[in-house]
Protein backbone atom coordinates (compact mmCIF):
# COMPACT_ATOMS: atom_id res chain seq x y z
CA MET A 1 213.74 185.55 -51.71
CA SER A 2 216.68 185.17 -49.34
CA ASN A 3 217.77 181.85 -47.83
CA LYS A 4 216.79 183.16 -44.38
CA GLN A 5 213.27 183.98 -45.59
CA GLN A 6 212.94 180.53 -47.19
CA LYS A 7 213.90 178.86 -43.91
CA LEU A 8 211.44 180.97 -41.94
CA ALA A 9 208.67 180.27 -44.43
CA ALA A 10 209.39 176.54 -44.19
CA LEU A 11 209.10 176.83 -40.41
CA PHE A 12 205.63 178.38 -40.69
CA CYS A 13 204.32 176.19 -43.49
CA HIS A 14 205.75 172.80 -42.61
CA GLY A 15 206.44 172.88 -38.87
CA ASP A 16 203.70 170.37 -38.11
CA ALA A 17 205.39 167.81 -40.37
CA VAL A 18 208.49 167.88 -38.16
CA LEU A 19 206.74 167.17 -34.87
CA ASN A 20 204.19 164.54 -35.85
CA PRO A 21 203.54 161.96 -33.09
CA LYS A 22 200.87 160.09 -35.10
CA ARG A 23 203.38 159.40 -37.87
CA TRP A 24 206.01 158.46 -35.29
CA LEU A 25 203.58 156.01 -33.68
CA ALA A 26 203.16 154.14 -36.95
CA GLU A 27 206.91 154.12 -37.57
CA GLU A 28 207.81 152.97 -34.07
CA ALA A 29 205.08 150.31 -34.10
CA GLY A 30 206.48 149.06 -37.41
CA ASP A 31 209.96 148.85 -35.93
CA LEU A 32 208.68 146.98 -32.88
CA ALA A 33 206.83 144.48 -35.08
CA THR A 34 210.07 142.55 -35.41
CA THR A 35 210.26 141.97 -31.65
CA ILE A 36 206.61 141.83 -30.55
CA LEU A 37 204.67 138.95 -32.07
CA GLY A 38 201.50 140.15 -33.81
CA PHE A 39 202.32 143.85 -33.58
CA ASP A 40 202.58 144.10 -37.34
CA GLU A 41 199.07 142.67 -37.69
CA ILE A 42 197.25 145.46 -35.86
CA PRO A 43 196.71 148.97 -37.24
CA PRO A 44 199.12 151.45 -35.60
CA GLN A 45 196.16 153.56 -34.44
CA ALA A 46 194.94 150.54 -32.40
CA ILE A 47 197.70 151.47 -29.97
CA LEU A 48 195.60 154.45 -28.86
CA PRO A 49 192.74 152.30 -27.45
CA LEU A 50 195.38 149.98 -25.98
CA ALA A 51 196.96 152.96 -24.23
CA ASN A 52 193.55 153.92 -22.89
CA LEU A 53 192.99 150.42 -21.52
CA VAL A 54 196.40 150.34 -19.88
CA ALA A 55 195.91 153.79 -18.35
CA THR A 56 192.29 153.51 -17.21
CA GLY A 57 191.78 149.78 -16.80
CA GLU A 58 188.70 147.97 -18.02
CA ASN A 59 186.65 150.12 -20.37
CA ASP A 60 184.04 149.85 -23.12
CA ALA A 61 184.27 150.99 -26.73
CA GLN A 62 181.93 153.94 -26.24
CA ARG A 63 183.97 155.44 -23.41
CA ILE A 64 187.22 154.84 -25.28
CA SER A 65 185.73 156.49 -28.35
CA LEU A 66 184.73 159.57 -26.36
CA ALA A 67 188.08 159.77 -24.57
CA LEU A 68 190.12 159.51 -27.77
CA GLY A 69 187.83 161.32 -30.20
CA ILE A 70 187.79 158.32 -32.54
CA ASP A 71 184.62 157.00 -34.16
CA GLU A 72 183.17 154.14 -32.09
CA SER A 73 183.06 151.77 -35.08
CA LYS A 74 186.80 152.31 -35.57
CA VAL A 75 187.44 151.76 -31.87
CA ASN A 76 185.52 148.48 -32.08
CA GLU A 77 187.63 147.46 -35.09
CA TYR A 78 190.82 148.28 -33.20
CA LEU A 79 189.68 146.45 -30.08
CA GLU A 80 188.84 143.33 -32.08
CA ALA A 81 192.31 143.41 -33.64
CA LEU A 82 193.87 143.84 -30.19
CA CYS A 83 191.87 140.86 -28.90
CA GLU A 84 192.74 138.72 -31.91
CA PHE A 85 196.44 139.13 -31.19
CA LYS A 86 196.09 138.86 -27.40
CA PHE A 87 196.90 142.47 -26.54
CA ALA A 88 193.44 142.92 -25.01
CA GLU A 89 190.59 140.69 -23.95
CA LYS A 90 186.83 141.05 -23.86
CA THR A 91 185.22 141.25 -20.41
CA TRP A 92 181.66 141.52 -19.11
CA ASN A 93 182.00 145.31 -19.02
CA GLY A 94 184.02 145.90 -22.17
CA TYR A 95 187.71 145.22 -22.64
CA LYS A 96 190.91 145.17 -20.66
CA ALA A 97 194.58 145.05 -21.60
CA THR A 98 196.37 141.74 -21.23
CA GLN A 99 199.86 141.38 -19.82
CA ASN A 100 201.13 141.18 -23.43
CA GLY A 101 199.22 144.37 -24.19
CA GLU A 102 200.74 146.15 -21.22
CA GLN A 103 204.23 145.04 -22.24
CA ALA A 104 203.65 146.16 -25.84
CA PHE A 105 202.36 149.51 -24.59
CA GLU A 106 205.43 149.97 -22.37
CA ALA A 107 207.75 149.18 -25.28
CA ILE A 108 206.07 151.65 -27.63
CA ALA A 109 205.87 154.30 -24.88
CA GLN A 110 209.62 154.09 -24.24
CA ARG A 111 210.33 154.41 -27.96
CA MET A 112 207.93 157.34 -28.35
CA ILE A 113 209.56 159.20 -25.44
CA ALA A 114 213.02 158.67 -26.90
CA ARG A 115 211.79 159.72 -30.34
CA GLU A 116 210.11 162.86 -29.05
CA LEU A 117 213.20 163.88 -27.07
CA TYR A 118 215.35 163.40 -30.17
CA GLU A 119 212.96 165.32 -32.44
CA VAL A 120 212.38 168.17 -29.97
CA ASN A 121 216.13 168.58 -29.39
CA ALA A 122 216.72 168.66 -33.15
CA ARG A 123 213.90 171.19 -33.53
CA LEU A 124 215.32 173.33 -30.72
CA GLN A 125 218.73 173.34 -32.39
CA HIS A 126 217.12 174.33 -35.70
CA LEU A 127 215.23 177.18 -34.02
CA LYS A 128 218.42 178.44 -32.35
CA GLU A 129 220.13 178.49 -35.75
CA LEU A 130 217.21 180.40 -37.26
CA THR A 131 217.30 182.90 -34.39
CA GLN A 132 221.00 183.49 -34.91
CA ALA A 133 220.51 183.89 -38.66
CA ALA A 134 217.62 186.33 -38.11
CA ASN A 135 219.69 188.56 -35.80
């Protein structure tokens, strides 16, 4: 098989590994753990319910579960972790993000945007090279 065919096959078979925001979220959260107290103590996926709270305001576990497509028991686990480290707090109607939670969300959002721009630009360059090689 030619080198060009190998590169094209890799594009088809492993393209989703290149652009993988869930993996990036864990990596970026790990990097931020050195600057945000307690961030290393929560599961990286707990950032998804935190994002929901920041975006929609006060919410309960059931609604968050439906919005994110995550099992409600997992959402409850994530929310408890967020509360334990003061990123969220329990209210009469569910949960809401704290100021620390909003700041943590903003920090991870900025890093995720920068990461996605970097990865997409690299992917675009790779695709241009493949196009030139194919022609």
